Each structure stands twice: as C-alpha cells, then as structure tokens.
Amino acid sequence: MTAGVIVRQPVAGDREAFLALWRDYCAFYQAEVPERATETLWRRLLDPADTGLRGLIACVGDAPLGFATLVTHPGTWSDRPVGYLEDLFVDGAARGQGLGRALIAGCAELGREEGWLRLYWQTGRDNVAAQALYDRVATRTDWVRYELQLNPR
C-alpha cells in the first residue's frame, strides 16, 4: 500500500463521508442514482453476509477520502469467482496521493485472499486521468462494451 494510506472495509461511522464521496462520484459521471439505491448500497456494503457486493474505503489518518465497490460473480471459464471493480472514486482534493492505487491494490489483495481468478474494471473513454493510473497497474484489453437497458427506472 501507499505510505500513509489505509485501505479497509467500511464501518457504520463512515456513512456521512461515504455518502459525500458517492454523491461527488455520481456527479462526476453525471448520473442520477435514486436515494433508495444509494441507501441499499450502503446497507449492503456493511452486511458481512452479502459476499456478492463488497466495499473498501481509503483513508489518510481518520478521514475517508476514497472508496471502491466490488461485485463478485461466478465465471464460465474457471471454477473460481471473478471480481468486478464497479466503482472507484477519490476525492478531487486528495488525488495524486496514491489513494486510487491503494484501493486497486486492496481490491487485488481481497481477491487473492478469496481465490478470485481475476479482477477487472472499466472507465469512461474520456477519463484519461484514471486511465493513466490503470495503464500502470493493469493490462488494457481490446474488449468493447455494449449495454441493453432492461428495466429503466
């Protein structure tokens, strides 16, 4: 991990800091996430029985300054689970201090401990700042993503 950065699972006392980061993250992607979905996300992140959705918080000192959410799922090409890094965000004022790298390392560590085959993620085509980090810590693939909306709000 990066010096001075602590990556850990979220605890109930992180709620307000997480929600502030989550709202900034949603604003960055110009996404309107219903409050009900946000509350459900927070409850699931704290539920140790919910192993399909996980979260990590990056702190400097006691201050949560970034987060990652992970979805684990079975794969078809292996008998081991796969981890999808669905959300990764670091407070704008804290960027460049290694929190993003530490969060990715924390996700990878969790996956190694739990025997995942791989960890994967995606980002916006124009998010070049994030891509600069991702290109240093992982391999960019040639896959193209498609979406089919099934039940819009």
N, C-alpha and C. Protein backbone atom coordinates (compact mmCIF):
# COMPACT_ATOMS: atom_id res chain seq x y z
N MET A 1 0.83 -1.18 0.00
CA MET A 1 0.00 0.00 0.00
C MET A 1 0.88 1.25 0.00
N THR A 2 0.29 2.35 -0.38
CA THR A 2 0.99 3.62 -0.41
C THR A 2 1.13 4.14 1.01
N ALA A 3 2.30 4.72 1.34
CA ALA A 3 2.58 5.20 2.68
C ALA A 3 1.53 6.21 3.13
N GLY A 4 1.04 6.04 4.36
CA GLY A 4 0.07 6.96 4.93
C GLY A 4 -1.37 6.69 4.54
N VAL A 5 -1.61 5.80 3.59
CA VAL A 5 -2.96 5.48 3.14
C VAL A 5 -3.37 4.15 3.77
N ILE A 6 -4.52 4.14 4.39
CA ILE A 6 -5.08 2.92 4.97
C ILE A 6 -6.30 2.54 4.14
N VAL A 7 -6.34 1.29 3.70
CA VAL A 7 -7.49 0.76 2.97
C VAL A 7 -8.13 -0.28 3.86
N ARG A 8 -9.44 -0.12 4.06
CA ARG A 8 -10.16 -1.02 4.96
C ARG A 8 -11.61 -1.14 4.51
N GLN A 9 -12.31 -2.07 5.11
CA GLN A 9 -13.73 -2.21 4.85
C GLN A 9 -14.47 -1.06 5.54
N PRO A 10 -15.58 -0.63 4.97
CA PRO A 10 -16.33 0.46 5.59
C PRO A 10 -16.98 0.01 6.91
N VAL A 11 -17.15 0.97 7.80
CA VAL A 11 -17.86 0.75 9.07
C VAL A 11 -18.98 1.78 9.16
N ALA A 12 -19.91 1.55 10.07
CA ALA A 12 -21.09 2.41 10.19
C ALA A 12 -20.72 3.88 10.33
N GLY A 13 -19.65 4.18 11.03
CA GLY A 13 -19.23 5.56 11.23
C GLY A 13 -18.75 6.27 9.96
N ASP A 14 -18.56 5.53 8.89
CA ASP A 14 -18.13 6.12 7.61
C ASP A 14 -19.30 6.63 6.77
N ARG A 15 -20.51 6.45 7.24
CA ARG A 15 -21.69 6.71 6.42
C ARG A 15 -21.69 8.10 5.78
N GLU A 16 -21.55 9.14 6.56
CA GLU A 16 -21.64 10.51 6.02
C GLU A 16 -20.50 10.79 5.04
N ALA A 17 -19.29 10.36 5.37
CA ALA A 17 -18.16 10.57 4.46
C ALA A 17 -18.36 9.79 3.16
N PHE A 18 -18.82 8.54 3.29
CA PHE A 18 -19.07 7.74 2.09
C PHE A 18 -20.14 8.39 1.23
N LEU A 19 -21.24 8.81 1.83
CA LEU A 19 -22.32 9.41 1.05
C LEU A 19 -21.86 10.68 0.34
N ALA A 20 -21.02 11.47 0.97
CA ALA A 20 -20.49 12.67 0.31
C ALA A 20 -19.62 12.29 -0.89
N LEU A 21 -18.76 11.29 -0.70
CA LEU A 21 -17.93 10.80 -1.81
C LEU A 21 -18.80 10.21 -2.91
N TRP A 22 -19.81 9.43 -2.54
CA TRP A 22 -20.70 8.79 -3.51
C TRP A 22 -21.41 9.86 -4.35
N ARG A 23 -21.89 10.90 -3.70
CA ARG A 23 -22.58 11.96 -4.45
C ARG A 23 -21.63 12.67 -5.41
N ASP A 24 -20.40 12.90 -4.97
CA ASP A 24 -19.40 13.50 -5.87
C ASP A 24 -19.10 12.59 -7.04
N TYR A 25 -19.02 11.29 -6.78
CA TYR A 25 -18.77 10.30 -7.82
C TYR A 25 -19.91 10.31 -8.84
N CYS A 26 -21.13 10.28 -8.36
CA CYS A 26 -22.29 10.30 -9.26
C CYS A 26 -22.31 11.59 -10.08
N ALA A 27 -21.97 12.72 -9.45
CA ALA A 27 -21.93 14.00 -10.17
C ALA A 27 -20.84 13.96 -11.24
N PHE A 28 -19.70 13.36 -10.95
CA PHE A 28 -18.61 13.26 -11.92
C PHE A 28 -19.09 12.55 -13.18
N TYR A 29 -19.85 11.47 -13.00
CA TYR A 29 -20.36 10.71 -14.14
C TYR A 29 -21.74 11.20 -14.62
N GLN A 30 -22.18 12.32 -14.06
CA GLN A 30 -23.48 12.91 -14.42
C GLN A 30 -24.59 11.87 -14.33
N ALA A 31 -24.55 11.11 -13.24
CA ALA A 31 -25.52 10.04 -13.00
C ALA A 31 -26.47 10.44 -11.89
N GLU A 32 -27.73 10.17 -12.09
CA GLU A 32 -28.74 10.39 -11.06
C GLU A 32 -29.12 9.03 -10.49
N VAL A 33 -28.59 8.74 -9.33
CA VAL A 33 -28.86 7.47 -8.67
C VAL A 33 -29.95 7.72 -7.63
N PRO A 34 -31.04 6.97 -7.69
CA PRO A 34 -32.12 7.17 -6.72
C PRO A 34 -31.62 6.99 -5.29
N GLU A 35 -32.16 7.78 -4.37
CA GLU A 35 -31.76 7.71 -2.97
C GLU A 35 -31.97 6.30 -2.41
N ARG A 36 -33.01 5.63 -2.85
CA ARG A 36 -33.27 4.26 -2.39
C ARG A 36 -32.12 3.33 -2.78
N ALA A 37 -31.59 3.49 -4.00
CA ALA A 37 -30.46 2.66 -4.44
C ALA A 37 -29.22 2.98 -3.62
N THR A 38 -29.01 4.26 -3.32
CA THR A 38 -27.85 4.66 -2.51
C THR A 38 -27.95 4.06 -1.11
N GLU A 39 -29.12 4.13 -0.50
CA GLU A 39 -29.30 3.56 0.84
C GLU A 39 -29.12 2.04 0.82
N THR A 40 -29.63 1.39 -0.21
CA THR A 40 -29.46 -0.05 -0.34
C THR A 40 -27.98 -0.40 -0.50
N LEU A 41 -27.28 0.37 -1.32
CA LEU A 41 -25.83 0.15 -1.48
C LEU A 41 -25.13 0.24 -0.14
N TRP A 42 -25.40 1.29 0.62
CA TRP A 42 -24.72 1.46 1.91
C TRP A 42 -25.02 0.29 2.85
N ARG A 43 -26.29 -0.12 2.93
CA ARG A 43 -26.62 -1.26 3.80
C ARG A 43 -25.89 -2.52 3.36
N ARG A 44 -25.83 -2.77 2.05
CA ARG A 44 -25.16 -3.98 1.55
C ARG A 44 -23.66 -3.95 1.83
N LEU A 45 -23.06 -2.76 1.73
CA LEU A 45 -21.62 -2.66 1.99
C LEU A 45 -21.28 -3.03 3.43
N LEU A 46 -22.21 -2.80 4.34
CA LEU A 46 -21.96 -3.10 5.76
C LEU A 46 -22.38 -4.52 6.15
N ASP A 47 -23.07 -5.22 5.28
CA ASP A 47 -23.62 -6.54 5.59
C ASP A 47 -22.58 -7.62 5.30
N PRO A 48 -21.99 -8.23 6.34
CA PRO A 48 -20.96 -9.25 6.11
C PRO A 48 -21.49 -10.49 5.40
N ALA A 49 -22.79 -10.71 5.45
CA ALA A 49 -23.38 -11.87 4.77
C ALA A 49 -23.51 -11.66 3.27
N ASP A 50 -23.45 -10.41 2.82
CA ASP A 50 -23.59 -10.09 1.40
C ASP A 50 -22.21 -10.16 0.75
N THR A 51 -21.82 -11.34 0.31
CA THR A 51 -20.49 -11.52 -0.27
C THR A 51 -20.45 -11.18 -1.76
N GLY A 52 -21.60 -10.87 -2.36
CA GLY A 52 -21.63 -10.51 -3.77
C GLY A 52 -21.29 -9.06 -4.02
N LEU A 53 -21.40 -8.22 -3.00
CA LEU A 53 -21.06 -6.80 -3.11
C LEU A 53 -20.17 -6.43 -1.95
N ARG A 54 -19.03 -5.88 -2.24
CA ARG A 54 -18.05 -5.53 -1.21
C ARG A 54 -17.65 -4.09 -1.39
N GLY A 55 -17.10 -3.51 -0.36
CA GLY A 55 -16.60 -2.14 -0.45
C GLY A 55 -15.31 -1.99 0.31
N LEU A 56 -14.51 -1.04 -0.15
CA LEU A 56 -13.30 -0.64 0.55
C LEU A 56 -13.29 0.88 0.65
N ILE A 57 -12.71 1.37 1.73
CA ILE A 57 -12.57 2.80 1.98
C ILE A 57 -11.08 3.08 2.08
N ALA A 58 -10.64 4.18 1.44
CA ALA A 58 -9.25 4.62 1.58
C ALA A 58 -9.22 5.85 2.48
N CYS A 59 -8.36 5.80 3.48
CA CYS A 59 -8.26 6.89 4.45
C CYS A 59 -6.83 7.39 4.53
N VAL A 60 -6.72 8.66 4.82
CA VAL A 60 -5.46 9.24 5.28
C VAL A 60 -5.77 9.73 6.68
N GLY A 61 -5.08 9.16 7.66
CA GLY A 61 -5.48 9.40 9.04
C GLY A 61 -6.84 8.77 9.25
N ASP A 62 -7.75 9.53 9.84
CA ASP A 62 -9.11 9.02 10.07
C ASP A 62 -10.08 9.43 8.98
N ALA A 63 -9.63 10.20 8.00
CA ALA A 63 -10.53 10.77 7.01
C ALA A 63 -10.71 9.86 5.80
N PRO A 64 -11.93 9.33 5.58
CA PRO A 64 -12.20 8.59 4.34
C PRO A 64 -12.15 9.54 3.15
N LEU A 65 -11.28 9.25 2.19
CA LEU A 65 -11.09 10.14 1.04
C LEU A 65 -11.33 9.43 -0.29
N GLY A 66 -11.67 8.15 -0.25
CA GLY A 66 -11.94 7.41 -1.48
C GLY A 66 -12.62 6.09 -1.16
N PHE A 67 -13.19 5.50 -2.18
CA PHE A 67 -13.86 4.21 -1.99
C PHE A 67 -13.79 3.39 -3.27
N ALA A 68 -14.01 2.11 -3.09
CA ALA A 68 -14.17 1.17 -4.21
C ALA A 68 -15.32 0.24 -3.87
N THR A 69 -16.11 -0.12 -4.88
CA THR A 69 -17.12 -1.16 -4.71
C THR A 69 -16.80 -2.29 -5.67
N LEU A 70 -17.02 -3.50 -5.20
CA LEU A 70 -16.69 -4.71 -5.96
C LEU A 70 -17.89 -5.63 -6.02
N VAL A 71 -18.12 -6.18 -7.18
CA VAL A 71 -19.14 -7.21 -7.36
C VAL A 71 -18.40 -8.50 -7.70
N THR A 72 -18.68 -9.55 -6.96
CA THR A 72 -18.07 -10.83 -7.28
C THR A 72 -19.13 -11.72 -7.92
N HIS A 73 -18.69 -12.49 -8.88
CA HIS A 73 -19.62 -13.37 -9.58
C HIS A 73 -18.90 -14.60 -10.09
N PRO A 74 -19.66 -15.66 -10.36
CA PRO A 74 -19.03 -16.84 -10.93
C PRO A 74 -18.61 -16.56 -12.37
N GLY A 75 -17.62 -17.26 -12.82
CA GLY A 75 -17.19 -17.18 -14.21
C GLY A 75 -17.51 -18.48 -14.93
N THR A 76 -17.45 -18.44 -16.23
CA THR A 76 -17.74 -19.65 -17.01
C THR A 76 -16.48 -20.36 -17.48
N TRP A 77 -15.34 -19.71 -17.42
CA TRP A 77 -14.10 -20.31 -17.91
C TRP A 77 -13.21 -20.81 -16.79
N SER A 78 -13.74 -20.79 -15.57
CA SER A 78 -12.98 -21.24 -14.42
C SER A 78 -13.97 -21.60 -13.32
N ASP A 79 -13.51 -22.39 -12.37
CA ASP A 79 -14.35 -22.69 -11.22
C ASP A 79 -14.15 -21.67 -10.10
N ARG A 80 -13.34 -20.66 -10.36
CA ARG A 80 -13.08 -19.61 -9.36
C ARG A 80 -13.92 -18.37 -9.66
N PRO A 81 -14.29 -17.62 -8.63
CA PRO A 81 -15.06 -16.40 -8.85
C PRO A 81 -14.22 -15.31 -9.52
N VAL A 82 -14.91 -14.31 -10.02
CA VAL A 82 -14.30 -13.17 -10.69
C VAL A 82 -14.74 -11.91 -9.94
N GLY A 83 -13.85 -10.95 -9.84
CA GLY A 83 -14.18 -9.69 -9.19
C GLY A 83 -14.30 -8.56 -10.21
N TYR A 84 -15.38 -7.82 -10.13
CA TYR A 84 -15.59 -6.65 -10.98
C TYR A 84 -15.53 -5.40 -10.11
N LEU A 85 -14.57 -4.56 -10.37
CA LEU A 85 -14.43 -3.29 -9.67
C LEU A 85 -15.41 -2.31 -10.31
N GLU A 86 -16.58 -2.20 -9.70
CA GLU A 86 -17.65 -1.42 -10.33
C GLU A 86 -17.47 0.08 -10.16
N ASP A 87 -17.06 0.50 -8.97
CA ASP A 87 -16.91 1.93 -8.70
C ASP A 87 -15.58 2.18 -8.01
N LEU A 88 -14.89 3.23 -8.42
CA LEU A 88 -13.65 3.66 -7.78
C LEU A 88 -13.65 5.17 -7.82
N PHE A 89 -13.48 5.80 -6.66
CA PHE A 89 -13.51 7.25 -6.62
C PHE A 89 -12.61 7.75 -5.50
N VAL A 90 -11.91 8.84 -5.79
CA VAL A 90 -11.08 9.53 -4.80
C VAL A 90 -11.47 10.99 -4.83
N ASP A 91 -11.63 11.57 -3.66
CA ASP A 91 -11.95 12.98 -3.53
C ASP A 91 -10.98 13.82 -4.37
N GLY A 92 -11.51 14.79 -5.10
CA GLY A 92 -10.70 15.59 -6.01
C GLY A 92 -9.49 16.23 -5.35
N ALA A 93 -9.65 16.70 -4.11
CA ALA A 93 -8.54 17.36 -3.41
C ALA A 93 -7.48 16.37 -2.95
N ALA A 94 -7.81 15.08 -2.94
CA ALA A 94 -6.86 14.07 -2.45
C ALA A 94 -6.21 13.28 -3.58
N ARG A 95 -6.51 13.61 -4.80
CA ARG A 95 -5.94 12.86 -5.93
C ARG A 95 -4.43 13.13 -6.03
N GLY A 96 -3.74 12.14 -6.56
CA GLY A 96 -2.29 12.26 -6.71
C GLY A 96 -1.52 11.82 -5.47
N GLN A 97 -2.21 11.35 -4.44
CA GLN A 97 -1.57 10.92 -3.20
C GLN A 97 -1.49 9.40 -3.08
N GLY A 98 -1.91 8.68 -4.13
CA GLY A 98 -1.81 7.24 -4.11
C GLY A 98 -3.03 6.51 -3.61
N LEU A 99 -4.13 7.21 -3.37
CA LEU A 99 -5.32 6.53 -2.85
C LEU A 99 -5.94 5.60 -3.89
N GLY A 100 -6.01 6.01 -5.13
CA GLY A 100 -6.56 5.15 -6.18
C GLY A 100 -5.75 3.88 -6.33
N ARG A 101 -4.44 4.04 -6.37
CA ARG A 101 -3.56 2.88 -6.47
C ARG A 101 -3.73 1.97 -5.25
N ALA A 102 -3.84 2.57 -4.07
CA ALA A 102 -4.01 1.77 -2.85
C ALA A 102 -5.35 1.03 -2.86
N LEU A 103 -6.40 1.67 -3.37
CA LEU A 103 -7.70 0.99 -3.45
C LEU A 103 -7.64 -0.19 -4.41
N ILE A 104 -7.01 -0.01 -5.56
CA ILE A 104 -6.88 -1.13 -6.50
C ILE A 104 -6.06 -2.25 -5.87
N ALA A 105 -4.99 -1.90 -5.19
CA ALA A 105 -4.18 -2.92 -4.52
C ALA A 105 -4.99 -3.64 -3.45
N GLY A 106 -5.84 -2.90 -2.72
CA GLY A 106 -6.70 -3.52 -1.72
C GLY A 106 -7.71 -4.48 -2.33
N CYS A 107 -8.26 -4.09 -3.47
CA CYS A 107 -9.19 -4.96 -4.19
C CYS A 107 -8.47 -6.23 -4.63
N ALA A 108 -7.27 -6.08 -5.18
CA ALA A 108 -6.49 -7.23 -5.63
C ALA A 108 -6.13 -8.14 -4.46
N GLU A 109 -5.78 -7.55 -3.34
CA GLU A 109 -5.44 -8.34 -2.15
C GLU A 109 -6.65 -9.15 -1.68
N LEU A 110 -7.82 -8.52 -1.64
CA LEU A 110 -9.03 -9.23 -1.27
C LEU A 110 -9.29 -10.39 -2.22
N GLY A 111 -9.13 -10.14 -3.51
CA GLY A 111 -9.33 -11.19 -4.50
C GLY A 111 -8.36 -12.34 -4.36
N ARG A 112 -7.10 -12.03 -4.08
CA ARG A 112 -6.11 -13.10 -3.88
C ARG A 112 -6.47 -13.93 -2.65
N GLU A 113 -6.86 -13.25 -1.57
CA GLU A 113 -7.23 -13.95 -0.34
C GLU A 113 -8.42 -14.88 -0.57
N GLU A 114 -9.35 -14.45 -1.42
CA GLU A 114 -10.57 -15.23 -1.65
C GLU A 114 -10.49 -16.13 -2.88
N GLY A 115 -9.35 -16.15 -3.55
CA GLY A 115 -9.13 -17.07 -4.66
C GLY A 115 -9.80 -16.69 -5.97
N TRP A 116 -10.04 -15.39 -6.19
CA TRP A 116 -10.64 -14.97 -7.45
C TRP A 116 -9.70 -15.26 -8.61
N LEU A 117 -10.25 -15.54 -9.76
CA LEU A 117 -9.46 -15.73 -10.98
C LEU A 117 -8.85 -14.42 -11.43
N ARG A 118 -9.65 -13.36 -11.45
CA ARG A 118 -9.16 -12.06 -11.91
C ARG A 118 -10.02 -10.96 -11.33
N LEU A 119 -9.52 -9.75 -11.47
CA LEU A 119 -10.21 -8.52 -11.13
C LEU A 119 -10.24 -7.69 -12.41
N TYR A 120 -11.40 -7.15 -12.75
CA TYR A 120 -11.49 -6.33 -13.96
C TYR A 120 -12.35 -5.10 -13.69
N TRP A 121 -12.19 -4.09 -14.56
CA TRP A 121 -12.97 -2.87 -14.43
C TRP A 121 -12.96 -2.13 -15.76
N GLN A 122 -13.72 -1.05 -15.79
CA GLN A 122 -13.80 -0.20 -16.98
C GLN A 122 -13.88 1.25 -16.53
N THR A 123 -13.68 2.14 -17.47
CA THR A 123 -13.84 3.56 -17.18
C THR A 123 -14.29 4.26 -18.45
N GLY A 124 -14.67 5.51 -18.29
CA GLY A 124 -15.09 6.29 -19.44
C GLY A 124 -13.94 6.51 -20.41
N ARG A 125 -14.26 6.52 -21.68
CA ARG A 125 -13.26 6.72 -22.73
C ARG A 125 -12.49 8.02 -22.53
N ASP A 126 -13.16 9.04 -22.00
CA ASP A 126 -12.52 10.35 -21.83
C ASP A 126 -11.90 10.55 -20.45
N ASN A 127 -11.93 9.54 -19.60
CA ASN A 127 -11.36 9.66 -18.26
C ASN A 127 -9.86 9.33 -18.32
N VAL A 128 -9.11 10.21 -18.95
CA VAL A 128 -7.69 9.93 -19.18
C VAL A 128 -6.87 9.95 -17.89
N ALA A 129 -7.30 10.72 -16.89
CA ALA A 129 -6.57 10.73 -15.63
C ALA A 129 -6.61 9.34 -14.99
N ALA A 130 -7.79 8.74 -14.96
CA ALA A 130 -7.91 7.39 -14.39
C ALA A 130 -7.14 6.39 -15.24
N GLN A 131 -7.23 6.53 -16.54
CA GLN A 131 -6.54 5.59 -17.43
C GLN A 131 -5.03 5.63 -17.24
N ALA A 132 -4.49 6.78 -16.90
CA ALA A 132 -3.04 6.87 -16.66
C ALA A 132 -2.64 5.96 -15.51
N LEU A 133 -3.45 5.94 -14.45
CA LEU A 133 -3.19 5.02 -13.34
C LEU A 133 -3.43 3.58 -13.76
N TYR A 134 -4.56 3.31 -14.39
CA TYR A 134 -4.92 1.94 -14.76
C TYR A 134 -3.88 1.32 -15.69
N ASP A 135 -3.34 2.11 -16.60
CA ASP A 135 -2.33 1.60 -17.51
C ASP A 135 -1.05 1.20 -16.78
N ARG A 136 -0.81 1.78 -15.61
CA ARG A 136 0.38 1.42 -14.82
C ARG A 136 0.18 0.17 -13.98
N VAL A 137 -1.08 -0.14 -13.62
CA VAL A 137 -1.29 -1.24 -12.67
C VAL A 137 -1.96 -2.46 -13.29
N ALA A 138 -2.45 -2.35 -14.53
CA ALA A 138 -3.17 -3.47 -15.14
C ALA A 138 -2.96 -3.45 -16.65
N THR A 139 -3.51 -4.44 -17.30
CA THR A 139 -3.41 -4.57 -18.75
C THR A 139 -4.70 -4.10 -19.40
N ARG A 140 -4.60 -3.16 -20.32
CA ARG A 140 -5.76 -2.70 -21.08
C ARG A 140 -6.11 -3.77 -22.11
N THR A 141 -7.38 -4.08 -22.21
CA THR A 141 -7.82 -5.11 -23.16
C THR A 141 -8.46 -4.45 -24.39
N ASP A 142 -8.77 -5.28 -25.36
CA ASP A 142 -9.40 -4.80 -26.59
C ASP A 142 -10.92 -4.98 -26.60
N TRP A 143 -11.50 -5.39 -25.49
CA TRP A 143 -12.94 -5.65 -25.45
C TRP A 143 -13.72 -4.35 -25.57
N VAL A 144 -14.86 -4.43 -26.22
CA VAL A 144 -15.78 -3.31 -26.39
C VAL A 144 -17.05 -3.64 -25.60
N ARG A 145 -17.55 -2.68 -24.87
CA ARG A 145 -18.72 -2.90 -24.02
C ARG A 145 -20.01 -2.49 -24.72
N TYR A 146 -21.04 -3.29 -24.55
CA TYR A 146 -22.39 -2.98 -25.02
C TYR A 146 -23.35 -3.07 -23.84
N GLU A 147 -24.41 -2.30 -23.88
CA GLU A 147 -25.42 -2.35 -22.84
C GLU A 147 -26.80 -2.46 -23.46
N LEU A 148 -27.66 -3.20 -22.80
CA LEU A 148 -29.05 -3.31 -23.17
C LEU A 148 -29.85 -3.02 -21.92
N GLN A 149 -30.48 -1.86 -21.85
CA GLN A 149 -31.27 -1.48 -20.67
C GLN A 149 -32.53 -2.32 -20.64
N LEU A 150 -32.78 -2.98 -19.52
CA LEU A 150 -33.92 -3.89 -19.39
C LEU A 150 -35.08 -3.29 -18.63
N ASN A 151 -34.80 -2.64 -17.54
CA ASN A 151 -35.86 -2.07 -16.70
C ASN A 151 -35.46 -0.68 -16.22
N PRO A 152 -35.45 0.31 -17.12
CA PRO A 152 -35.08 1.65 -16.67
C PRO A 152 -36.02 2.10 -15.56
N ARG A 153 -35.48 2.88 -14.67
CA ARG A 153 -36.22 3.38 -13.51
C ARG A 153 -37.65 3.46 -13.84
